[in-house]
Amino acid sequence: MKGLSNLIRLHKWKLDEKRRELTDMEQMRDSFMAQRTDLQREQQREQEIAAEDPDINFAYSNYATAAKERLENLQTSISEISQKIIVLKDEVSFCYRELKKYEVALDVRDKRARLAEQRAEQKQIDDLAIDLYRRGLQSQNS
């Protein structure tokens, strides 16, 4: 029984670690997505400012190039993390199935043990009842 309990504890720990890792990746992806949105808003503001002031317009092209590169980097990071998230979700699912397998095995073993204990108790009660019945018959015959 101890071995199965240890396996369950180990698999719970593994599952928790995978869930933490998945949560971290999802938070990182959300952060990158927020950065991308902020950058897109910033680009829009800079375009509006550049369109209004011709003196600033000459510097906008350098900004636009750098912003485009940052945007591409963020999109690449989002794509890579999204792929890792898919893999981690599969790993979480696998860890969960493994944990459930051991928990079900422990439940089955516990049920069998309880059933065997109930059968032993019932046998003792039956033996006692038979013994009392025999004594009752013997006392009636005497």
N, C-alpha and C. Protein backbone atom coordinates (compact mmCIF):
# COMPACT_ATOMS: atom_id res chain seq x y z
N MET A 1 0.82 -1.18 0.00
CA MET A 1 0.00 0.00 0.00
C MET A 1 0.87 1.25 0.00
N LYS A 2 1.96 1.19 0.71
CA LYS A 2 2.85 2.34 0.80
C LYS A 2 3.42 2.70 -0.56
N GLY A 3 3.76 1.68 -1.37
CA GLY A 3 4.35 1.93 -2.68
C GLY A 3 3.39 2.66 -3.60
N LEU A 4 2.13 2.26 -3.59
CA LEU A 4 1.13 2.90 -4.43
C LEU A 4 0.86 4.33 -3.96
N SER A 5 0.84 4.55 -2.68
CA SER A 5 0.65 5.90 -2.14
C SER A 5 1.82 6.80 -2.54
N ASN A 6 3.02 6.24 -2.52
CA ASN A 6 4.18 7.03 -2.93
C ASN A 6 4.12 7.37 -4.42
N LEU A 7 3.67 6.41 -5.23
CA LEU A 7 3.50 6.68 -6.67
C LEU A 7 2.47 7.78 -6.90
N ILE A 8 1.40 7.73 -6.16
CA ILE A 8 0.36 8.76 -6.30
C ILE A 8 0.92 10.12 -5.92
N ARG A 9 1.64 10.17 -4.82
CA ARG A 9 2.24 11.43 -4.37
C ARG A 9 3.23 11.96 -5.41
N LEU A 10 4.03 11.07 -5.98
CA LEU A 10 4.99 11.47 -7.01
C LEU A 10 4.28 12.02 -8.24
N HIS A 11 3.23 11.34 -8.68
CA HIS A 11 2.52 11.78 -9.87
C HIS A 11 1.74 13.08 -9.62
N LYS A 12 1.25 13.27 -8.40
CA LYS A 12 0.60 14.54 -8.06
C LYS A 12 1.62 15.67 -8.16
N TRP A 13 2.82 15.42 -7.65
CA TRP A 13 3.87 16.43 -7.71
C TRP A 13 4.22 16.75 -9.16
N LYS A 14 4.37 15.71 -9.99
CA LYS A 14 4.67 15.93 -11.41
C LYS A 14 3.56 16.73 -12.08
N LEU A 15 2.33 16.37 -11.80
CA LEU A 15 1.19 17.08 -12.39
C LEU A 15 1.19 18.55 -11.95
N ASP A 16 1.43 18.80 -10.69
CA ASP A 16 1.48 20.18 -10.19
C ASP A 16 2.59 20.97 -10.87
N GLU A 17 3.74 20.35 -11.05
CA GLU A 17 4.86 21.02 -11.72
C GLU A 17 4.51 21.36 -13.17
N LYS A 18 3.91 20.43 -13.86
CA LYS A 18 3.52 20.67 -15.26
C LYS A 18 2.46 21.77 -15.33
N ARG A 19 1.53 21.76 -14.39
CA ARG A 19 0.50 22.81 -14.38
C ARG A 19 1.11 24.18 -14.11
N ARG A 20 2.08 24.23 -13.19
CA ARG A 20 2.77 25.50 -12.92
C ARG A 20 3.51 25.99 -14.16
N GLU A 21 4.20 25.07 -14.81
CA GLU A 21 4.94 25.41 -16.02
C GLU A 21 3.99 25.91 -17.11
N LEU A 22 2.86 25.24 -17.26
CA LEU A 22 1.86 25.65 -18.24
C LEU A 22 1.32 27.05 -17.91
N THR A 23 1.04 27.29 -16.66
CA THR A 23 0.54 28.59 -16.23
C THR A 23 1.57 29.68 -16.51
N ASP A 24 2.83 29.39 -16.22
CA ASP A 24 3.90 30.36 -16.50
C ASP A 24 3.98 30.69 -17.99
N MET A 25 3.88 29.66 -18.81
CA MET A 25 3.95 29.88 -20.26
C MET A 25 2.75 30.69 -20.75
N GLU A 26 1.59 30.39 -20.22
CA GLU A 26 0.40 31.13 -20.63
C GLU A 26 0.50 32.59 -20.20
N GLN A 27 1.05 32.83 -19.00
CA GLN A 27 1.23 34.20 -18.55
C GLN A 27 2.26 34.93 -19.42
N MET A 28 3.31 34.22 -19.80
CA MET A 28 4.33 34.82 -20.66
C MET A 28 3.72 35.17 -22.02
N ARG A 29 2.93 34.25 -22.57
CA ARG A 29 2.27 34.51 -23.85
C ARG A 29 1.34 35.71 -23.74
N ASP A 30 0.57 35.77 -22.66
CA ASP A 30 -0.34 36.90 -22.46
C ASP A 30 0.42 38.21 -22.33
N SER A 31 1.56 38.15 -21.68
CA SER A 31 2.40 39.35 -21.54
C SER A 31 2.91 39.81 -22.91
N PHE A 32 3.38 38.87 -23.72
CA PHE A 32 3.85 39.22 -25.06
C PHE A 32 2.71 39.77 -25.92
N MET A 33 1.53 39.19 -25.76
CA MET A 33 0.39 39.68 -26.53
C MET A 33 0.02 41.10 -26.10
N ALA A 34 0.11 41.38 -24.80
CA ALA A 34 -0.16 42.73 -24.31
C ALA A 34 0.89 43.70 -24.84
N GLN A 35 2.15 43.27 -24.85
CA GLN A 35 3.22 44.11 -25.40
C GLN A 35 2.98 44.39 -26.88
N ARG A 36 2.53 43.38 -27.60
CA ARG A 36 2.25 43.55 -29.02
C ARG A 36 1.12 44.57 -29.22
N THR A 37 0.08 44.46 -28.44
CA THR A 37 -1.04 45.40 -28.53
C THR A 37 -0.58 46.82 -28.20
N ASP A 38 0.22 46.95 -27.13
CA ASP A 38 0.75 48.27 -26.76
C ASP A 38 1.61 48.85 -27.88
N LEU A 39 2.43 48.02 -28.47
CA LEU A 39 3.29 48.48 -29.56
C LEU A 39 2.47 48.91 -30.77
N GLN A 40 1.43 48.17 -31.07
CA GLN A 40 0.57 48.55 -32.20
C GLN A 40 -0.12 49.89 -31.94
N ARG A 41 -0.57 50.10 -30.71
CA ARG A 41 -1.17 51.40 -30.35
C ARG A 41 -0.15 52.52 -30.44
N GLU A 42 1.04 52.22 -29.96
CA GLU A 42 2.12 53.21 -30.02
C GLU A 42 2.42 53.57 -31.47
N GLN A 43 2.49 52.58 -32.34
CA GLN A 43 2.74 52.83 -33.76
C GLN A 43 1.65 53.73 -34.35
N GLN A 44 0.41 53.44 -33.99
CA GLN A 44 -0.70 54.24 -34.50
C GLN A 44 -0.56 55.70 -34.06
N ARG A 45 -0.23 55.90 -32.79
CA ARG A 45 -0.04 57.27 -32.28
C ARG A 45 1.10 57.96 -33.01
N GLU A 46 2.20 57.24 -33.19
CA GLU A 46 3.36 57.83 -33.87
C GLU A 46 3.03 58.17 -35.32
N GLN A 47 2.24 57.34 -35.97
CA GLN A 47 1.84 57.65 -37.36
C GLN A 47 1.00 58.93 -37.40
N GLU A 48 0.09 59.05 -36.45
CA GLU A 48 -0.75 60.24 -36.40
C GLU A 48 0.09 61.49 -36.14
N ILE A 49 1.04 61.39 -35.22
CA ILE A 49 1.91 62.54 -34.91
C ILE A 49 2.77 62.88 -36.12
N ALA A 50 3.31 61.87 -36.78
CA ALA A 50 4.16 62.11 -37.95
C ALA A 50 3.36 62.73 -39.09
N ALA A 51 2.11 62.33 -39.22
CA ALA A 51 1.27 62.88 -40.30
C ALA A 51 0.94 64.35 -40.05
N GLU A 52 0.85 64.73 -38.77
CA GLU A 52 0.50 66.10 -38.43
C GLU A 52 1.69 67.05 -38.51
N ASP A 53 2.88 66.57 -38.21
CA ASP A 53 4.06 67.44 -38.15
C ASP A 53 5.11 66.97 -39.14
N PRO A 54 5.34 67.71 -40.21
CA PRO A 54 6.31 67.30 -41.22
C PRO A 54 7.75 67.26 -40.69
N ASP A 55 8.05 68.02 -39.66
CA ASP A 55 9.41 68.02 -39.10
C ASP A 55 9.73 66.67 -38.44
N ILE A 56 8.72 66.04 -37.89
CA ILE A 56 8.91 64.74 -37.20
C ILE A 56 8.83 63.59 -38.21
N ASN A 57 8.21 63.84 -39.32
CA ASN A 57 7.98 62.81 -40.33
C ASN A 57 9.26 62.12 -40.79
N PHE A 58 10.37 62.85 -40.89
CA PHE A 58 11.63 62.25 -41.35
C PHE A 58 12.16 61.20 -40.38
N ALA A 59 11.90 61.36 -39.08
CA ALA A 59 12.39 60.42 -38.07
C ALA A 59 11.47 59.21 -37.93
N TYR A 60 10.28 59.32 -38.45
CA TYR A 60 9.31 58.23 -38.28
C TYR A 60 9.75 56.95 -38.97
N SER A 61 10.42 57.05 -40.09
CA SER A 61 10.81 55.84 -40.82
C SER A 61 11.75 54.97 -39.98
N ASN A 62 12.68 55.58 -39.25
CA ASN A 62 13.56 54.81 -38.37
C ASN A 62 12.77 54.14 -37.26
N TYR A 63 11.82 54.89 -36.69
CA TYR A 63 10.98 54.33 -35.64
C TYR A 63 10.15 53.17 -36.20
N ALA A 64 9.57 53.37 -37.37
CA ALA A 64 8.70 52.35 -37.97
C ALA A 64 9.47 51.07 -38.23
N THR A 65 10.72 51.20 -38.70
CA THR A 65 11.54 50.01 -38.95
C THR A 65 11.82 49.25 -37.66
N ALA A 66 12.19 49.99 -36.62
CA ALA A 66 12.49 49.36 -35.32
C ALA A 66 11.22 48.74 -34.73
N ALA A 67 10.11 49.45 -34.85
CA ALA A 67 8.84 48.94 -34.30
C ALA A 67 8.41 47.68 -35.05
N LYS A 68 8.59 47.68 -36.36
CA LYS A 68 8.23 46.50 -37.15
C LYS A 68 9.06 45.29 -36.73
N GLU A 69 10.34 45.52 -36.49
CA GLU A 69 11.22 44.44 -36.05
C GLU A 69 10.80 43.92 -34.68
N ARG A 70 10.48 44.83 -33.76
CA ARG A 70 10.02 44.43 -32.43
C ARG A 70 8.72 43.64 -32.53
N LEU A 71 7.84 44.10 -33.41
CA LEU A 71 6.56 43.42 -33.60
C LEU A 71 6.77 42.00 -34.13
N GLU A 72 7.67 41.84 -35.08
CA GLU A 72 7.98 40.52 -35.62
C GLU A 72 8.59 39.62 -34.54
N ASN A 73 9.48 40.18 -33.72
CA ASN A 73 10.08 39.40 -32.63
C ASN A 73 9.01 38.95 -31.63
N LEU A 74 8.11 39.87 -31.30
CA LEU A 74 7.04 39.50 -30.37
C LEU A 74 6.15 38.41 -30.97
N GLN A 75 5.84 38.54 -32.24
CA GLN A 75 4.99 37.54 -32.89
C GLN A 75 5.68 36.17 -32.94
N THR A 76 6.98 36.19 -33.21
CA THR A 76 7.75 34.94 -33.21
C THR A 76 7.74 34.31 -31.82
N SER A 77 7.94 35.14 -30.80
CA SER A 77 7.92 34.64 -29.42
C SER A 77 6.55 34.08 -29.06
N ILE A 78 5.50 34.77 -29.46
CA ILE A 78 4.14 34.29 -29.18
C ILE A 78 3.90 32.94 -29.86
N SER A 79 4.35 32.82 -31.09
CA SER A 79 4.16 31.55 -31.82
C SER A 79 4.93 30.41 -31.14
N GLU A 80 6.19 30.68 -30.76
CA GLU A 80 6.99 29.64 -30.10
C GLU A 80 6.37 29.22 -28.77
N ILE A 81 5.93 30.20 -28.00
CA ILE A 81 5.33 29.88 -26.70
C ILE A 81 4.00 29.14 -26.90
N SER A 82 3.25 29.52 -27.91
CA SER A 82 1.99 28.83 -28.18
C SER A 82 2.24 27.36 -28.50
N GLN A 83 3.31 27.08 -29.23
CA GLN A 83 3.66 25.68 -29.52
C GLN A 83 4.05 24.95 -28.24
N LYS A 84 4.82 25.63 -27.37
CA LYS A 84 5.20 25.01 -26.10
C LYS A 84 3.97 24.76 -25.24
N ILE A 85 3.02 25.67 -25.29
CA ILE A 85 1.79 25.51 -24.50
C ILE A 85 1.03 24.26 -24.97
N ILE A 86 0.98 24.06 -26.26
CA ILE A 86 0.30 22.86 -26.79
C ILE A 86 0.97 21.60 -26.27
N VAL A 87 2.30 21.58 -26.30
CA VAL A 87 3.05 20.43 -25.80
C VAL A 87 2.81 20.24 -24.30
N LEU A 88 2.85 21.35 -23.56
CA LEU A 88 2.64 21.26 -22.11
C LEU A 88 1.23 20.79 -21.77
N LYS A 89 0.25 21.20 -22.54
CA LYS A 89 -1.12 20.73 -22.30
C LYS A 89 -1.20 19.22 -22.49
N ASP A 90 -0.50 18.72 -23.50
CA ASP A 90 -0.45 17.26 -23.70
C ASP A 90 0.24 16.58 -22.52
N GLU A 91 1.31 17.18 -22.03
CA GLU A 91 2.03 16.60 -20.89
C GLU A 91 1.17 16.63 -19.63
N VAL A 92 0.44 17.72 -19.42
CA VAL A 92 -0.46 17.80 -18.26
C VAL A 92 -1.52 16.72 -18.36
N SER A 93 -2.07 16.56 -19.54
CA SER A 93 -3.09 15.54 -19.76
C SER A 93 -2.53 14.14 -19.47
N PHE A 94 -1.32 13.88 -19.96
CA PHE A 94 -0.70 12.58 -19.73
C PHE A 94 -0.45 12.36 -18.24
N CYS A 95 0.08 13.37 -17.55
CA CYS A 95 0.34 13.25 -16.11
C CYS A 95 -0.95 13.01 -15.34
N TYR A 96 -2.01 13.68 -15.76
CA TYR A 96 -3.30 13.51 -15.10
C TYR A 96 -3.81 12.07 -15.28
N ARG A 97 -3.70 11.56 -16.50
CA ARG A 97 -4.14 10.17 -16.75
C ARG A 97 -3.32 9.18 -15.93
N GLU A 98 -2.02 9.40 -15.84
CA GLU A 98 -1.17 8.51 -15.04
C GLU A 98 -1.57 8.56 -13.56
N LEU A 99 -1.80 9.75 -13.06
CA LEU A 99 -2.21 9.90 -11.66
C LEU A 99 -3.54 9.18 -11.43
N LYS A 100 -4.49 9.37 -12.31
CA LYS A 100 -5.79 8.72 -12.15
C LYS A 100 -5.66 7.20 -12.19
N LYS A 101 -4.75 6.70 -13.01
CA LYS A 101 -4.55 5.25 -13.10
C LYS A 101 -4.15 4.70 -11.73
N TYR A 102 -3.22 5.37 -11.07
CA TYR A 102 -2.77 4.90 -9.76
C TYR A 102 -3.83 5.12 -8.68
N GLU A 103 -4.57 6.23 -8.78
CA GLU A 103 -5.63 6.47 -7.79
C GLU A 103 -6.73 5.41 -7.92
N VAL A 104 -7.08 5.06 -9.13
CA VAL A 104 -8.09 4.02 -9.34
C VAL A 104 -7.58 2.68 -8.82
N ALA A 105 -6.32 2.38 -9.07
CA ALA A 105 -5.74 1.12 -8.58
C ALA A 105 -5.79 1.07 -7.05
N LEU A 106 -5.49 2.20 -6.41
CA LEU A 106 -5.54 2.26 -4.95
C LEU A 106 -6.98 2.08 -4.46
N ASP A 107 -7.93 2.72 -5.14
CA ASP A 107 -9.33 2.58 -4.76
C ASP A 107 -9.79 1.14 -4.88
N VAL A 108 -9.41 0.49 -5.97
CA VAL A 108 -9.79 -0.92 -6.18
C VAL A 108 -9.20 -1.78 -5.08
N ARG A 109 -7.94 -1.55 -4.76
CA ARG A 109 -7.29 -2.33 -3.72
C ARG A 109 -7.96 -2.10 -2.36
N ASP A 110 -8.31 -0.83 -2.07
CA ASP A 110 -8.98 -0.53 -0.80
C ASP A 110 -10.36 -1.19 -0.74
N LYS A 111 -11.08 -1.18 -1.85
CA LYS A 111 -12.40 -1.82 -1.88
C LYS A 111 -12.28 -3.32 -1.67
N ARG A 112 -11.28 -3.92 -2.30
CA ARG A 112 -11.06 -5.36 -2.11
C ARG A 112 -10.73 -5.68 -0.66
N ALA A 113 -9.91 -4.84 -0.06
CA ALA A 113 -9.54 -5.06 1.34
C ALA A 113 -10.77 -4.93 2.24
N ARG A 114 -11.60 -3.91 1.99
CA ARG A 114 -12.82 -3.74 2.79
C ARG A 114 -13.78 -4.92 2.59
N LEU A 115 -13.89 -5.37 1.35
CA LEU A 115 -14.76 -6.51 1.05
C LEU A 115 -14.27 -7.77 1.76
N ALA A 116 -12.96 -8.00 1.74
CA ALA A 116 -12.39 -9.17 2.43
C ALA A 116 -12.63 -9.05 3.94
N GLU A 117 -12.49 -7.85 4.47
CA GLU A 117 -12.73 -7.63 5.90
C GLU A 117 -14.21 -7.87 6.23
N GLN A 118 -15.10 -7.39 5.38
CA GLN A 118 -16.53 -7.60 5.61
C GLN A 118 -16.88 -9.09 5.54
N ARG A 119 -16.26 -9.77 4.59
CA ARG A 119 -16.51 -11.22 4.47
C ARG A 119 -16.02 -11.95 5.73
N ALA A 120 -14.86 -11.56 6.23
CA ALA A 120 -14.32 -12.20 7.44
C ALA A 120 -15.24 -11.93 8.63
N GLU A 121 -15.71 -10.69 8.75
CA GLU A 121 -16.63 -10.37 9.84
C GLU A 121 -17.94 -11.15 9.71
N GLN A 122 -18.44 -11.22 8.47
CA GLN A 122 -19.69 -11.96 8.24
C GLN A 122 -19.50 -13.44 8.56
N LYS A 123 -18.33 -13.99 8.23
CA LYS A 123 -18.05 -15.40 8.54
C LYS A 123 -18.04 -15.62 10.05
N GLN A 124 -17.44 -14.69 10.79
CA GLN A 124 -17.43 -14.81 12.25
C GLN A 124 -18.86 -14.75 12.80
N ILE A 125 -19.66 -13.83 12.25
CA ILE A 125 -21.04 -13.72 12.71
C ILE A 125 -21.82 -14.99 12.38
N ASP A 126 -21.61 -15.51 11.17
CA ASP A 126 -22.30 -16.74 10.76
C ASP A 126 -21.87 -17.91 11.65
N ASP A 127 -20.57 -18.02 11.91
CA ASP A 127 -20.08 -19.11 12.78
C ASP A 127 -20.68 -18.99 14.17
N LEU A 128 -20.76 -17.78 14.68
CA LEU A 128 -21.33 -17.55 16.00
C LEU A 128 -22.82 -17.92 16.00
N ALA A 129 -23.51 -17.52 14.94
CA ALA A 129 -24.95 -17.83 14.85
C ALA A 129 -25.17 -19.34 14.77
N ILE A 130 -24.35 -20.05 14.00
CA ILE A 130 -24.47 -21.50 13.89
C ILE A 130 -24.19 -22.14 15.24
N ASP A 131 -23.16 -21.65 15.92
CA ASP A 131 -22.81 -22.19 17.23
C ASP A 131 -23.95 -21.96 18.22
N LEU A 132 -24.53 -20.78 18.22
CA LEU A 132 -25.66 -20.50 19.12
C LEU A 132 -26.86 -21.36 18.77
N TYR A 133 -27.10 -21.56 17.51
CA TYR A 133 -28.21 -22.41 17.07
C TYR A 133 -28.01 -23.84 17.57
N ARG A 134 -26.78 -24.34 17.41
CA ARG A 134 -26.49 -25.71 17.87
C ARG A 134 -26.67 -25.83 19.37
N ARG A 135 -26.21 -24.82 20.10
CA ARG A 135 -26.38 -24.85 21.57
C ARG A 135 -27.85 -24.83 21.95
N GLY A 136 -28.61 -24.04 21.19
CA GLY A 136 -30.06 -23.99 21.46
C GLY A 136 -30.72 -25.32 21.20
N LEU A 137 -30.29 -26.04 20.15
CA LEU A 137 -30.85 -27.35 19.86
C LEU A 137 -30.44 -28.34 20.93
N GLN A 138 -29.19 -28.24 21.36
CA GLN A 138 -28.69 -29.19 22.37
C GLN A 138 -29.42 -28.97 23.69
N SER A 139 -29.70 -27.72 24.04
CA SER A 139 -30.38 -27.46 25.31
C SER A 139 -31.85 -27.89 25.25
N GLN A 140 -32.45 -27.84 24.06
CA GLN A 140 -33.82 -28.30 23.91
C GLN A 140 -33.89 -29.82 24.00
N ASN A 141 -32.88 -30.53 23.50
CA ASN A 141 -32.85 -31.98 23.53
C ASN A 141 -32.50 -32.49 24.92
N SER A 142 -31.93 -31.71 25.73
CA SER A 142 -31.54 -32.18 27.06
C SER A 142 -32.63 -32.15 28.06
